[in-house]
Amino acid sequence: MIDLIGRPYRLGADGPDPDGALDCIHLVFTVLDRLGLPHPVYKAEWYEGKSFARDLLTWCRRVDLAAYDGDVLLLPQETTAFAVYWENGCLYINRHLKAVAWCPIGTLSRRCCFRSKNT
């Protein structure tokens, strides 16, 4: 996953472009794929804040704290942003750097956390 750090952010980007850009949803999907964990089917309406909570709950359960690689976090930013727990920290889109970043789990505010029903 370390190769994801520093990849540029672009809304709607899913990684295969020459610059490797990702957005928060595709960052999480990329990590879950690499970890061999399932995820819901991508829906464009998530960008509008529609149905993502319901869709998340079809494949995972809400937990109090992220503790396992692949736990999904929702971060309170201008809009809700997706992030993923990895190596005792959080892979997320840093809005100031406009790139994927990692930080220790305790340094970011989070709205809620989800864990795959398969873990």
PDB file of N, CA and C in Angstrom:
ATOM      1  N   MET A   1       0.804  -1.190   0.000  1.00  0.00           N
ATOM      2  CA  MET A   1       0.000   0.000   0.000  1.00  0.00           C
ATOM      3  C   MET A   1       0.854   1.264   0.000  1.00  0.00           C
ATOM      4  N   ILE A   2       2.086   1.108   0.427  1.00  0.00           N
ATOM      5  CA  ILE A   2       2.939   2.287   0.516  1.00  0.00           C
ATOM      6  C   ILE A   2       3.088   2.987  -0.839  1.00  0.00           C
ATOM      7  N   ASP A   3       2.955   2.226  -1.928  1.00  0.00           N
ATOM      8  CA  ASP A   3       3.064   2.829  -3.255  1.00  0.00           C
ATOM      9  C   ASP A   3       1.891   3.760  -3.571  1.00  0.00           C
ATOM     10  N   LEU A   4       0.817   3.678  -2.789  1.00  0.00           N
ATOM     11  CA  LEU A   4      -0.328   4.568  -3.000  1.00  0.00           C
ATOM     12  C   LEU A   4      -0.081   5.961  -2.430  1.00  0.00           C
ATOM     13  N   ILE A   5       0.765   6.045  -1.413  1.00  0.00           N
ATOM     14  CA  ILE A   5       1.032   7.335  -0.774  1.00  0.00           C
ATOM     15  C   ILE A   5       1.692   8.270  -1.778  1.00  0.00           C
ATOM     16  N   GLY A   6       1.126   9.450  -1.886  1.00  0.00           N
ATOM     17  CA  GLY A   6       1.642  10.452  -2.822  1.00  0.00           C
ATOM     18  C   GLY A   6       0.929  10.469  -4.161  1.00  0.00           C
ATOM     19  N   ARG A   7       0.119   9.441  -4.439  1.00  0.00           N
ATOM     20  CA  ARG A   7      -0.629   9.478  -5.700  1.00  0.00           C
ATOM     21  C   ARG A   7      -1.543  10.694  -5.699  1.00  0.00           C
ATOM     22  N   PRO A   8      -1.674  11.347  -6.838  1.00  0.00           N
ATOM     23  CA  PRO A   8      -2.492  12.557  -6.877  1.00  0.00           C
ATOM     24  C   PRO A   8      -3.986  12.247  -6.723  1.00  0.00           C
ATOM     25  N   TYR A   9      -4.690  13.233  -6.206  1.00  0.00           N
ATOM     26  CA  TYR A   9      -6.147  13.160  -6.062  1.00  0.00           C
ATOM     27  C   TYR A   9      -6.809  13.816  -7.266  1.00  0.00           C
ATOM     28  N   ARG A  10      -7.819  13.134  -7.776  1.00  0.00           N
ATOM     29  CA  ARG A  10      -8.688  13.731  -8.790  1.00  0.00           C
ATOM     30  C   ARG A  10     -10.060  13.086  -8.636  1.00  0.00           C
ATOM     31  N   LEU A  11     -11.080  13.898  -8.470  1.00  0.00           N
ATOM     32  CA  LEU A  11     -12.430  13.395  -8.289  1.00  0.00           C
ATOM     33  C   LEU A  11     -12.815  12.480  -9.447  1.00  0.00           C
ATOM     34  N   GLY A  12     -13.275  11.295  -9.121  1.00  0.00           N
ATOM     35  CA  GLY A  12     -13.690  10.321 -10.124  1.00  0.00           C
ATOM     36  C   GLY A  12     -12.581   9.435 -10.658  1.00  0.00           C
ATOM     37  N   ALA A  13     -11.331   9.731 -10.313  1.00  0.00           N
ATOM     38  CA  ALA A  13     -10.196   8.941 -10.822  1.00  0.00           C
ATOM     39  C   ALA A  13     -10.130   7.599 -10.094  1.00  0.00           C
ATOM     40  N   ASP A  14      -9.837   6.538 -10.859  1.00  0.00           N
ATOM     41  CA  ASP A  14      -9.814   5.206 -10.264  1.00  0.00           C
ATOM     42  C   ASP A  14      -8.463   4.497 -10.357  1.00  0.00           C
ATOM     43  N   GLY A  15      -7.406   5.218 -10.708  1.00  0.00           N
ATOM     44  CA  GLY A  15      -6.068   4.653 -10.630  1.00  0.00           C
ATOM     45  C   GLY A  15      -5.344   4.305 -11.899  1.00  0.00           C
ATOM     46  N   PRO A  16      -6.009   3.804 -12.952  1.00  0.00           N
ATOM     47  CA  PRO A  16      -5.229   3.357 -14.104  1.00  0.00           C
ATOM     48  C   PRO A  16      -4.733   4.458 -15.043  1.00  0.00           C
ATOM     49  N   ASP A  17      -5.144   5.703 -14.818  1.00  0.00           N
ATOM     50  CA  ASP A  17      -4.618   6.783 -15.656  1.00  0.00           C
ATOM     51  C   ASP A  17      -3.097   6.840 -15.510  1.00  0.00           C
ATOM     52  N   PRO A  18      -2.387   7.400 -16.478  1.00  0.00           N
ATOM     53  CA  PRO A  18      -0.919   7.433 -16.410  1.00  0.00           C
ATOM     54  C   PRO A  18      -0.361   8.043 -15.118  1.00  0.00           C
ATOM     55  N   ASP A  19      -1.071   9.016 -14.537  1.00  0.00           N
ATOM     56  CA  ASP A  19      -0.550   9.631 -13.299  1.00  0.00           C
ATOM     57  C   ASP A  19      -0.959   8.847 -12.054  1.00  0.00           C
ATOM     58  N   GLY A  20      -1.788   7.800 -12.196  1.00  0.00           N
ATOM     59  CA  GLY A  20      -2.189   6.968 -11.064  1.00  0.00           C
ATOM     60  C   GLY A  20      -3.158   7.634 -10.110  1.00  0.00           C
ATOM     61  N   ALA A  21      -3.773   8.732 -10.523  1.00  0.00           N
ATOM     62  CA  ALA A  21      -4.660   9.493  -9.638  1.00  0.00           C
ATOM     63  C   ALA A  21      -5.811   8.630  -9.123  1.00  0.00           C
ATOM     64  N   LEU A  22      -6.236   8.947  -7.910  1.00  0.00           N
ATOM     65  CA  LEU A  22      -7.346   8.271  -7.244  1.00  0.00           C
ATOM     66  C   LEU A  22      -8.232   9.306  -6.571  1.00  0.00           C
ATOM     67  N   ASP A  23      -9.474   8.926  -6.334  1.00  0.00           N
ATOM     68  CA  ASP A  23     -10.289   9.703  -5.415  1.00  0.00           C
ATOM     69  C   ASP A  23     -10.490   8.836  -4.175  1.00  0.00           C
ATOM     70  N   CYS A  24     -11.213   9.351  -3.173  1.00  0.00           N
ATOM     71  CA  CYS A  24     -11.294   8.628  -1.905  1.00  0.00           C
ATOM     72  C   CYS A  24     -12.006   7.285  -2.033  1.00  0.00           C
ATOM     73  N   ILE A  25     -13.046   7.214  -2.836  1.00  0.00           N
ATOM     74  CA  ILE A  25     -13.764   5.950  -2.999  1.00  0.00           C
ATOM     75  C   ILE A  25     -12.862   4.911  -3.650  1.00  0.00           C
ATOM     76  N   HIS A  26     -12.177   5.298  -4.705  1.00  0.00           N
ATOM     77  CA  HIS A  26     -11.322   4.337  -5.409  1.00  0.00           C
ATOM     78  C   HIS A  26     -10.053   4.007  -4.630  1.00  0.00           C
ATOM     79  N   LEU A  27      -9.603   4.892  -3.773  1.00  0.00           N
ATOM     80  CA  LEU A  27      -8.503   4.563  -2.868  1.00  0.00           C
ATOM     81  C   LEU A  27      -8.925   3.405  -1.963  1.00  0.00           C
ATOM     82  N   VAL A  28     -10.091   3.520  -1.348  1.00  0.00           N
ATOM     83  CA  VAL A  28     -10.578   2.464  -0.463  1.00  0.00           C
ATOM     84  C   VAL A  28     -10.762   1.161  -1.234  1.00  0.00           C
ATOM     85  N   PHE A  29     -11.377   1.217  -2.403  1.00  0.00           N
ATOM     86  CA  PHE A  29     -11.581   0.012  -3.202  1.00  0.00           C
ATOM     87  C   PHE A  29     -10.244  -0.637  -3.573  1.00  0.00           C
ATOM     88  N   THR A  30      -9.254   0.161  -3.917  1.00  0.00           N
ATOM     89  CA  THR A  30      -7.936  -0.369  -4.272  1.00  0.00           C
ATOM     90  C   THR A  30      -7.322  -1.123  -3.094  1.00  0.00           C
ATOM     91  N   VAL A  31      -7.380  -0.527  -1.912  1.00  0.00           N
ATOM     92  CA  VAL A  31      -6.826  -1.171  -0.723  1.00  0.00           C
ATOM     93  C   VAL A  31      -7.587  -2.450  -0.404  1.00  0.00           C
ATOM     94  N   LEU A  32      -8.916  -2.400  -0.429  1.00  0.00           N
ATOM     95  CA  LEU A  32      -9.707  -3.599  -0.136  1.00  0.00           C
ATOM     96  C   LEU A  32      -9.414  -4.707  -1.142  1.00  0.00           C
ATOM     97  N   ASP A  33      -9.293  -4.350  -2.426  1.00  0.00           N
ATOM     98  CA  ASP A  33      -8.943  -5.355  -3.437  1.00  0.00           C
ATOM     99  C   ASP A  33      -7.599  -5.996  -3.127  1.00  0.00           C
ATOM    100  N   ARG A  34      -6.610  -5.177  -2.781  1.00  0.00           N
ATOM    101  CA  ARG A  34      -5.275  -5.711  -2.485  1.00  0.00           C
ATOM    102  C   ARG A  34      -5.273  -6.597  -1.248  1.00  0.00           C
ATOM    103  N   LEU A  35      -6.155  -6.290  -0.292  1.00  0.00           N
ATOM    104  CA  LEU A  35      -6.253  -7.094   0.927  1.00  0.00           C
ATOM    105  C   LEU A  35      -7.138  -8.321   0.739  1.00  0.00           C
ATOM    106  N   GLY A  36      -7.765  -8.423  -0.430  1.00  0.00           N
ATOM    107  CA  GLY A  36      -8.643  -9.546  -0.698  1.00  0.00           C
ATOM    108  C   GLY A  36      -9.982  -9.451   0.016  1.00  0.00           C
ATOM    109  N   LEU A  37     -10.385  -8.231   0.370  1.00  0.00           N
ATOM    110  CA  LEU A  37     -11.650  -8.022   1.070  1.00  0.00           C
ATOM    111  C   LEU A  37     -12.723  -7.555   0.091  1.00  0.00           C
ATOM    112  N   PRO A  38     -13.952  -8.012   0.288  1.00  0.00           N
ATOM    113  CA  PRO A  38     -15.027  -7.586  -0.604  1.00  0.00           C
ATOM    114  C   PRO A  38     -15.408  -6.134  -0.346  1.00  0.00           C
ATOM    115  N   HIS A  39     -16.062  -5.537  -1.311  1.00  0.00           N
ATOM    116  CA  HIS A  39     -16.612  -4.195  -1.142  1.00  0.00           C
ATOM    117  C   HIS A  39     -17.878  -4.089  -1.969  1.00  0.00           C
ATOM    118  N   PRO A  40     -18.702  -3.107  -1.653  1.00  0.00           N
ATOM    119  CA  PRO A  40     -19.943  -2.970  -2.429  1.00  0.00           C
ATOM    120  C   PRO A  40     -19.634  -2.557  -3.860  1.00  0.00           C
ATOM    121  N   VAL A  41     -20.610  -2.742  -4.706  1.00  0.00           N
ATOM    122  CA  VAL A  41     -20.476  -2.307  -6.093  1.00  0.00           C
ATOM    123  C   VAL A  41     -20.450  -0.782  -6.115  1.00  0.00           C
ATOM    124  N   TYR A  42     -19.511  -0.225  -6.859  1.00  0.00           N
ATOM    125  CA  TYR A  42     -19.364   1.225  -6.979  1.00  0.00           C
ATOM    126  C   TYR A  42     -20.627   1.843  -7.583  1.00  0.00           C
ATOM    127  N   LYS A  43     -21.031   2.974  -7.022  1.00  0.00           N
ATOM    128  CA  LYS A  43     -22.175   3.723  -7.551  1.00  0.00           C
ATOM    129  C   LYS A  43     -21.803   5.197  -7.634  1.00  0.00           C
ATOM    130  N   ALA A  44     -22.001   5.789  -8.791  1.00  0.00           N
ATOM    131  CA  ALA A  44     -21.660   7.202  -8.998  1.00  0.00           C
ATOM    132  C   ALA A  44     -22.445   8.125  -8.070  1.00  0.00           C
ATOM    133  N   GLU A  45     -23.643   7.732  -7.663  1.00  0.00           N
ATOM    134  CA  GLU A  45     -24.441   8.615  -6.803  1.00  0.00           C
ATOM    135  C   GLU A  45     -23.845   8.802  -5.408  1.00  0.00           C
ATOM    136  N   TRP A  46     -22.856   7.996  -5.046  1.00  0.00           N
ATOM    137  CA  TRP A  46     -22.179   8.217  -3.761  1.00  0.00           C
ATOM    138  C   TRP A  46     -21.542   9.598  -3.716  1.00  0.00           C
ATOM    139  N   TYR A  47     -21.112  10.126  -4.858  1.00  0.00           N
ATOM    140  CA  TYR A  47     -20.502  11.444  -4.882  1.00  0.00           C
ATOM    141  C   TYR A  47     -21.489  12.531  -4.482  1.00  0.00           C
ATOM    142  N   GLU A  48     -22.758  12.237  -4.597  1.00  0.00           N
ATOM    143  CA  GLU A  48     -23.793  13.194  -4.224  1.00  0.00           C
ATOM    144  C   GLU A  48     -24.286  12.935  -2.797  1.00  0.00           C
ATOM    145  N   GLY A  49     -23.631  12.026  -2.094  1.00  0.00           N
ATOM    146  CA  GLY A  49     -24.013  11.707  -0.728  1.00  0.00           C
ATOM    147  C   GLY A  49     -25.244  10.832  -0.631  1.00  0.00           C
ATOM    148  N   LYS A  50     -25.580  10.163  -1.721  1.00  0.00           N
ATOM    149  CA  LYS A  50     -26.792   9.351  -1.745  1.00  0.00           C
ATOM    150  C   LYS A  50     -26.472   7.866  -1.569  1.00  0.00           C
ATOM    151  N   SER A  51     -27.174   7.235  -0.715  1.00  0.00           N
ATOM    152  CA  SER A  51     -27.231   5.776  -0.523  1.00  0.00           C
ATOM    153  C   SER A  51     -25.948   5.102  -0.057  1.00  0.00           C
ATOM    154  N   PHE A  52     -24.837   5.824   0.120  1.00  0.00           N
ATOM    155  CA  PHE A  52     -23.612   5.101   0.466  1.00  0.00           C
ATOM    156  C   PHE A  52     -23.702   4.434   1.827  1.00  0.00           C
ATOM    157  N   ALA A  53     -24.377   5.049   2.796  1.00  0.00           N
ATOM    158  CA  ALA A  53     -24.471   4.424   4.122  1.00  0.00           C
ATOM    159  C   ALA A  53     -25.246   3.117   4.037  1.00  0.00           C
ATOM    160  N   ARG A  54     -26.348   3.118   3.327  1.00  0.00           N
ATOM    161  CA  ARG A  54     -27.130   1.895   3.163  1.00  0.00           C
ATOM    162  C   ARG A  54     -26.308   0.833   2.427  1.00  0.00           C
ATOM    163  N   ASP A  55     -25.614   1.248   1.380  1.00  0.00           N
ATOM    164  CA  ASP A  55     -24.799   0.304   0.613  1.00  0.00           C
ATOM    165  C   ASP A  55     -23.649  -0.245   1.446  1.00  0.00           C
ATOM    166  N   LEU A  56     -23.030   0.601   2.268  1.00  0.00           N
ATOM    167  CA  LEU A  56     -21.961   0.118   3.147  1.00  0.00           C
ATOM    168  C   LEU A  56     -22.473  -0.967   4.082  1.00  0.00           C
ATOM    169  N   LEU A  57     -23.655  -0.771   4.627  1.00  0.00           N
ATOM    170  CA  LEU A  57     -24.192  -1.718   5.604  1.00  0.00           C
ATOM    171  C   LEU A  57     -24.625  -3.049   4.990  1.00  0.00           C
ATOM    172  N   THR A  58     -24.670  -3.137   3.664  1.00  0.00           N
ATOM    173  CA  THR A  58     -24.985  -4.428   3.046  1.00  0.00           C
ATOM    174  C   THR A  58     -23.790  -5.372   3.095  1.00  0.00           C
ATOM    175  N   TRP A  59     -22.585  -4.830   3.164  1.00  0.00           N
ATOM    176  CA  TRP A  59     -21.404  -5.708   3.158  1.00  0.00           C
ATOM    177  C   TRP A  59     -20.550  -5.579   4.411  1.00  0.00           C
ATOM    178  N   CYS A  60     -20.880  -4.639   5.294  1.00  0.00           N
ATOM    179  CA  CYS A  60     -20.074  -4.469   6.509  1.00  0.00           C
ATOM    180  C   CYS A  60     -20.968  -4.079   7.676  1.00  0.00           C
ATOM    181  N   ARG A  61     -20.349  -4.005   8.838  1.00  0.00           N
ATOM    182  CA  ARG A  61     -21.066  -3.586  10.038  1.00  0.00           C
ATOM    183  C   ARG A  61     -20.339  -2.391  10.646  1.00  0.00           C
ATOM    184  N   ARG A  62     -21.081  -1.562  11.319  1.00  0.00           N
ATOM    185  CA  ARG A  62     -20.486  -0.395  11.965  1.00  0.00           C
ATOM    186  C   ARG A  62     -19.742  -0.843  13.218  1.00  0.00           C
ATOM    187  N   VAL A  63     -18.560  -0.255  13.445  1.00  0.00           N
ATOM    188  CA  VAL A  63     -17.758  -0.538  14.639  1.00  0.00           C
ATOM    189  C   VAL A  63     -17.358   0.780  15.282  1.00  0.00           C
ATOM    190  N   ASP A  64     -17.008   0.726  16.558  1.00  0.00           N
ATOM    191  CA  ASP A  64     -16.642   1.949  17.275  1.00  0.00           C
ATOM    192  C   ASP A  64     -15.295   2.505  16.835  1.00  0.00           C
ATOM    193  N   LEU A  65     -14.329   1.621  16.618  1.00  0.00           N
ATOM    194  CA  LEU A  65     -12.986   2.054  16.250  1.00  0.00           C
ATOM    195  C   LEU A  65     -12.424   1.183  15.141  1.00  0.00           C
ATOM    196  N   ALA A  66     -11.695   1.784  14.244  1.00  0.00           N
ATOM    197  CA  ALA A  66     -10.972   1.027  13.226  1.00  0.00           C
ATOM    198  C   ALA A  66      -9.807   0.327  13.903  1.00  0.00           C
ATOM    199  N   ALA A  67      -9.652  -0.958  13.621  1.00  0.00           N
ATOM    200  CA  ALA A  67      -8.586  -1.717  14.266  1.00  0.00           C
ATOM    201  C   ALA A  67      -7.946  -2.747  13.345  1.00  0.00           C
ATOM    202  N   TYR A  68      -8.567  -3.022  12.202  1.00  0.00           N
ATOM    203  CA  TYR A  68      -8.060  -4.041  11.293  1.00  0.00           C
ATOM    204  C   TYR A  68      -7.805  -3.422   9.924  1.00  0.00           C
ATOM    205  N   ASP A  69      -6.712  -3.847   9.288  1.00  0.00           N
ATOM    206  CA  ASP A  69      -6.446  -3.380   7.935  1.00  0.00           C
ATOM    207  C   ASP A  69      -7.674  -3.639   7.071  1.00  0.00           C
ATOM    208  N   GLY A  70      -8.126  -2.600   6.402  1.00  0.00           N
ATOM    209  CA  GLY A  70      -9.305  -2.702   5.555  1.00  0.00           C
ATOM    210  C   GLY A  70     -10.565  -2.131   6.173  1.00  0.00           C
ATOM    211  N   ASP A  71     -10.534  -1.763   7.462  1.00  0.00           N
ATOM    212  CA  ASP A  71     -11.693  -1.079   8.029  1.00  0.00           C
ATOM    213  C   ASP A  71     -11.875   0.239   7.273  1.00  0.00           C
ATOM    214  N   VAL A  72     -13.111   0.581   6.988  1.00  0.00           N
ATOM    215  CA  VAL A  72     -13.419   1.794   6.234  1.00  0.00           C
ATOM    216  C   VAL A  72     -13.852   2.884   7.206  1.00  0.00           C
ATOM    217  N   LEU A  73     -13.330   4.086   6.984  1.00  0.00           N
ATOM    218  CA  LEU A  73     -13.679   5.229   7.823  1.00  0.00           C
ATOM    219  C   LEU A  73     -14.364   6.284   6.971  1.00  0.00           C
ATOM    220  N   LEU A  74     -15.291   6.993   7.567  1.00  0.00           N
ATOM    221  CA  LEU A  74     -15.879   8.165   6.943  1.00  0.00           C
ATOM    222  C   LEU A  74     -15.355   9.374   7.692  1.00  0.00           C
ATOM    223  N   LEU A  75     -14.728  10.269   6.959  1.00  0.00           N
ATOM    224  CA  LEU A  75     -14.116  11.454   7.548  1.00  0.00           C
ATOM    225  C   LEU A  75     -14.993  12.671   7.306  1.00  0.00           C
ATOM    226  N   PRO A  76     -15.183  13.492   8.337  1.00  0.00           N
ATOM    227  CA  PRO A  76     -15.970  14.716   8.151  1.00  0.00           C
ATOM    228  C   PRO A  76     -15.100  15.808   7.535  1.00  0.00           C
ATOM    229  N   GLN A  77     -15.287  16.050   6.264  1.00  0.00           N
ATOM    230  CA  GLN A  77     -14.602  17.140   5.575  1.00  0.00           C
ATOM    231  C   GLN A  77     -15.682  18.020   4.967  1.00  0.00           C
ATOM    232  N   GLU A  78     -15.368  18.789   3.916  1.00  0.00           N
ATOM    233  CA  GLU A  78     -16.424  19.598   3.296  1.00  0.00           C
ATOM    234  C   GLU A  78     -17.601  18.714   2.932  1.00  0.00           C
ATOM    235  N   THR A  79     -17.299  17.553   2.413  1.00  0.00           N
ATOM    236  CA  THR A  79     -18.283  16.502   2.182  1.00  0.00           C
ATOM    237  C   THR A  79     -17.714  15.263   2.852  1.00  0.00           C
ATOM    238  N   THR A  80     -18.523  14.258   3.028  1.00  0.00           N
ATOM    239  CA  THR A  80     -18.023  13.029   3.638  1.00  0.00           C
ATOM    240  C   THR A  80     -16.967  12.415   2.730  1.00  0.00           C
ATOM    241  N   ALA A  81     -15.848  12.033   3.309  1.00  0.00           N
ATOM    242  CA  ALA A  81     -14.766  11.421   2.546  1.00  0.00           C
ATOM    243  C   ALA A  81     -14.498  10.026   3.087  1.00  0.00           C
ATOM    244  N   PHE A  82     -14.190   9.116   2.201  1.00  0.00           N
ATOM    245  CA  PHE A  82     -13.846   7.747   2.573  1.00  0.00           C
ATOM    246  C   PHE A  82     -12.350   7.655   2.838  1.00  0.00           C
ATOM    247  N   ALA A  83     -11.988   6.805   3.786  1.00  0.00           N
ATOM    248  CA  ALA A  83     -10.591   6.509   4.089  1.00  0.00           C
ATOM    249  C   ALA A  83     -10.535   5.045   4.509  1.00  0.00           C
ATOM    250  N   VAL A  84      -9.321   4.523   4.662  1.00  0.00           N
ATOM    251  CA  VAL A  84      -9.200   3.105   5.020  1.00  0.00           C
ATOM    252  C   VAL A  84      -8.061   2.914   6.015  1.00  0.00           C
ATOM    253  N   TYR A  85      -8.315   2.064   7.006  1.00  0.00           N
ATOM    254  CA  TYR A  85      -7.324   1.752   8.034  1.00  0.00           C
ATOM    255  C   TYR A  85      -6.279   0.818   7.449  1.00  0.00           C
ATOM    256  N   TRP A  86      -5.015   1.140   7.710  1.00  0.00           N
ATOM    257  CA  TRP A  86      -3.912   0.293   7.267  1.00  0.00           C
ATOM    258  C   TRP A  86      -2.690   0.583   8.123  1.00  0.00           C
ATOM    259  N   GLU A  87      -2.070  -0.470   8.646  1.00  0.00           N
ATOM    260  CA  GLU A  87      -0.827  -0.355   9.419  1.00  0.00           C
ATOM    261  C   GLU A  87      -0.937   0.652  10.564  1.00  0.00           C
ATOM    262  N   ASN A  88      -1.968   0.497  11.387  1.00  0.00           N
ATOM    263  CA  ASN A  88      -2.185   1.357  12.554  1.00  0.00           C
ATOM    264  C   ASN A  88      -2.377   2.830  12.209  1.00  0.00           C
ATOM    265  N   GLY A  89      -2.824   3.063  11.002  1.00  0.00           N
ATOM    266  CA  GLY A  89      -3.065   4.432  10.573  1.00  0.00           C
ATOM    267  C   GLY A  89      -4.163   4.487   9.540  1.00  0.00           C
ATOM    268  N   CYS A  90      -4.225   5.580   8.854  1.00  0.00           N
ATOM    269  CA  CYS A  90      -5.305   5.836   7.925  1.00  0.00           C
ATOM    270  C   CYS A  90      -4.742   6.300   6.586  1.00  0.00           C
ATOM    271  N   LEU A  91      -5.122   5.619   5.513  1.00  0.00           N
ATOM    272  CA  LEU A  91      -4.831   6.079   4.164  1.00  0.00           C
ATOM    273  C   LEU A  91      -6.031   6.919   3.734  1.00  0.00           C
ATOM    274  N   TYR A  92      -5.772   8.124   3.316  1.00  0.00           N
ATOM    275  CA  TYR A  92      -6.852   9.044   2.989  1.00  0.00           C
ATOM    276  C   TYR A  92      -6.363  10.054   1.957  1.00  0.00           C
ATOM    277  N   ILE A  93      -7.287  10.837   1.421  1.00  0.00           N
ATOM    278  CA  ILE A  93      -6.913  11.916   0.514  1.00  0.00           C
ATOM    279  C   ILE A  93      -6.687  13.170   1.352  1.00  0.00           C
ATOM    280  N   ASN A  94      -5.463  13.649   1.350  1.00  0.00           N
ATOM    281  CA  ASN A  94      -5.146  14.894   2.037  1.00  0.00           C
ATOM    282  C   ASN A  94      -5.550  16.035   1.115  1.00  0.00           C
ATOM    283  N   ARG A  95      -6.556  16.795   1.508  1.00  0.00           N
ATOM    284  CA  ARG A  95      -7.099  17.858   0.649  1.00  0.00           C
ATOM    285  C   ARG A  95      -6.103  18.987   0.418  1.00  0.00           C
ATOM    286  N   HIS A  96      -5.193  19.224   1.355  1.00  0.00           N
ATOM    287  CA  HIS A  96      -4.191  20.284   1.175  1.00  0.00           C
ATOM    288  C   HIS A  96      -3.111  19.870   0.185  1.00  0.00           C
ATOM    289  N   LEU A  97      -2.674  18.618   0.295  1.00  0.00           N
ATOM    290  CA  LEU A  97      -1.656  18.107  -0.624  1.00  0.00           C
ATOM    291  C   LEU A  97      -2.251  17.663  -1.959  1.00  0.00           C
ATOM    292  N   LYS A  98      -3.565  17.416  -1.965  1.00  0.00           N
ATOM    293  CA  LYS A  98      -4.259  16.871  -3.137  1.00  0.00           C
ATOM    294  C   LYS A  98      -3.612  15.563  -3.580  1.00  0.00           C
ATOM    295  N   ALA A  99      -3.376  14.716  -2.561  1.00  0.00           N
ATOM    296  CA  ALA A  99      -2.714  13.439  -2.807  1.00  0.00           C
ATOM    297  C   ALA A  99      -3.070  12.463  -1.689  1.00  0.00           C
ATOM    298  N   VAL A 100      -2.825  11.181  -1.950  1.00  0.00           N
ATOM    299  CA  VAL A 100      -3.011  10.147  -0.938  1.00  0.00           C
ATOM    300  C   VAL A 100      -1.943  10.336   0.139  1.00  0.00           C
ATOM    301  N   ALA A 101      -2.379  10.236   1.383  1.00  0.00           N
ATOM    302  CA  ALA A 101      -1.468  10.383   2.517  1.00  0.00           C
ATOM    303  C   ALA A 101      -1.791   9.302   3.546  1.00  0.00           C
ATOM    304  N   TRP A 102      -0.906   9.149   4.507  1.00  0.00           N
ATOM    305  CA  TRP A 102      -1.106   8.235   5.624  1.00  0.00           C
ATOM    306  C   TRP A 102      -0.845   9.015   6.894  1.00  0.00           C
ATOM    307  N   CYS A 103      -1.614   8.754   7.934  1.00  0.00           N
ATOM    308  CA  CYS A 103      -1.344   9.362   9.238  1.00  0.00           C
ATOM    309  C   CYS A 103      -1.742   8.372  10.325  1.00  0.00           C
ATOM    310  N   PRO A 104      -1.172   8.499  11.516  1.00  0.00           N
ATOM    311  CA  PRO A 104      -1.576   7.630  12.622  1.00  0.00           C
ATOM    312  C   PRO A 104      -3.076   7.783  12.873  1.00  0.00           C
ATOM    313  N   ILE A 105      -3.710   6.710  13.258  1.00  0.00           N
ATOM    314  CA  ILE A 105      -5.166   6.676  13.362  1.00  0.00           C
ATOM    315  C   ILE A 105      -5.728   7.732  14.309  1.00  0.00           C
ATOM    316  N   GLY A 106      -5.044   8.087  15.343  1.00  0.00           N
ATOM    317  CA  GLY A 106      -5.579   9.033  16.318  1.00  0.00           C
ATOM    318  C   GLY A 106      -5.534  10.485  15.901  1.00  0.00           C
ATOM    319  N   THR A 107      -4.955  10.796  14.765  1.00  0.00           N
ATOM    320  CA  THR A 107      -4.780  12.199  14.391  1.00  0.00           C
ATOM    321  C   THR A 107      -5.892  12.765  13.524  1.00  0.00           C
ATOM    322  N   LEU A 108      -6.797  11.926  13.030  1.00  0.00           N
ATOM    323  CA  LEU A 108      -7.899  12.408  12.191  1.00  0.00           C
ATOM    324  C   LEU A 108      -9.231  12.235  12.909  1.00  0.00           C
ATOM    325  N   SER A 109     -10.097  13.212  12.732  1.00  0.00           N
ATOM    326  CA  SER A 109     -11.477  13.042  13.204  1.00  0.00           C
ATOM    327  C   SER A 109     -12.170  12.085  12.256  1.00  0.00           C
ATOM    328  N   ARG A 110     -13.031  11.265  12.791  1.00  0.00           N
ATOM    329  CA  ARG A 110     -13.777  10.364  11.927  1.00  0.00           C
ATOM    330  C   ARG A 110     -15.232  10.371  12.352  1.00  0.00           C
ATOM    331  N   ARG A 111     -16.072  10.233  11.388  1.00  0.00           N
ATOM    332  CA  ARG A 111     -17.515  10.225  11.643  1.00  0.00           C
ATOM    333  C   ARG A 111     -17.953   8.840  12.094  1.00  0.00           C
ATOM    334  N   CYS A 112     -17.523   7.807  11.394  1.00  0.00           N
ATOM    335  CA  CYS A 112     -17.844   6.439  11.793  1.00  0.00           C
ATOM    336  C   CYS A 112     -16.915   5.469  11.068  1.00  0.00           C
ATOM    337  N   CYS A 113     -16.915   4.230  11.550  1.00  0.00           N
ATOM    338  CA  CYS A 113     -16.039   3.194  11.000  1.00  0.00           C
ATOM    339  C   CYS A 113     -16.876   1.963  10.674  1.00  0.00           C
ATOM    340  N   PHE A 114     -16.412   1.236   9.658  1.00  0.00           N
ATOM    341  CA  PHE A 114     -17.101   0.039   9.203  1.00  0.00           C
ATOM    342  C   PHE A 114     -16.094  -1.086   9.013  1.00  0.00           C
ATOM    343  N   ARG A 115     -16.531  -2.329   9.291  1.00  0.00           N
ATOM    344  CA  ARG A 115     -15.688  -3.501   9.108  1.00  0.00           C
ATOM    345  C   ARG A 115     -16.450  -4.534   8.272  1.00  0.00           C
ATOM    346  N   SER A 116     -15.741  -5.134   7.355  1.00  0.00           N
ATOM    347  CA  SER A 116     -16.327  -6.163   6.502  1.00  0.00           C
ATOM    348  C   SER A 116     -16.930  -7.268   7.360  1.00  0.00           C
ATOM    349  N   LYS A 117     -18.086  -7.754   6.979  1.00  0.00           N
ATOM    350  CA  LYS A 117     -18.714  -8.853   7.693  1.00  0.00           C
ATOM    351  C   LYS A 117     -17.903 -10.140   7.586  1.00  0.00           C
ATOM    352  N   ASN A 118     -16.945 -10.169   6.643  1.00  0.00           N
ATOM    353  CA  ASN A 118     -16.111 -11.357   6.431  1.00  0.00           C
ATOM    354  C   ASN A 118     -14.895 -11.397   7.341  1.00  0.00           C
ATOM    355  N   THR A 119     -14.649 -10.350   8.164  1.00  0.00           N
ATOM    356  CA  THR A 119     -13.476 -10.356   9.053  1.00  0.00           C
ATOM    357  C   THR A 119     -13.897 -10.515  10.491  1.00  0.00           C
TER     358      THR A 119
END
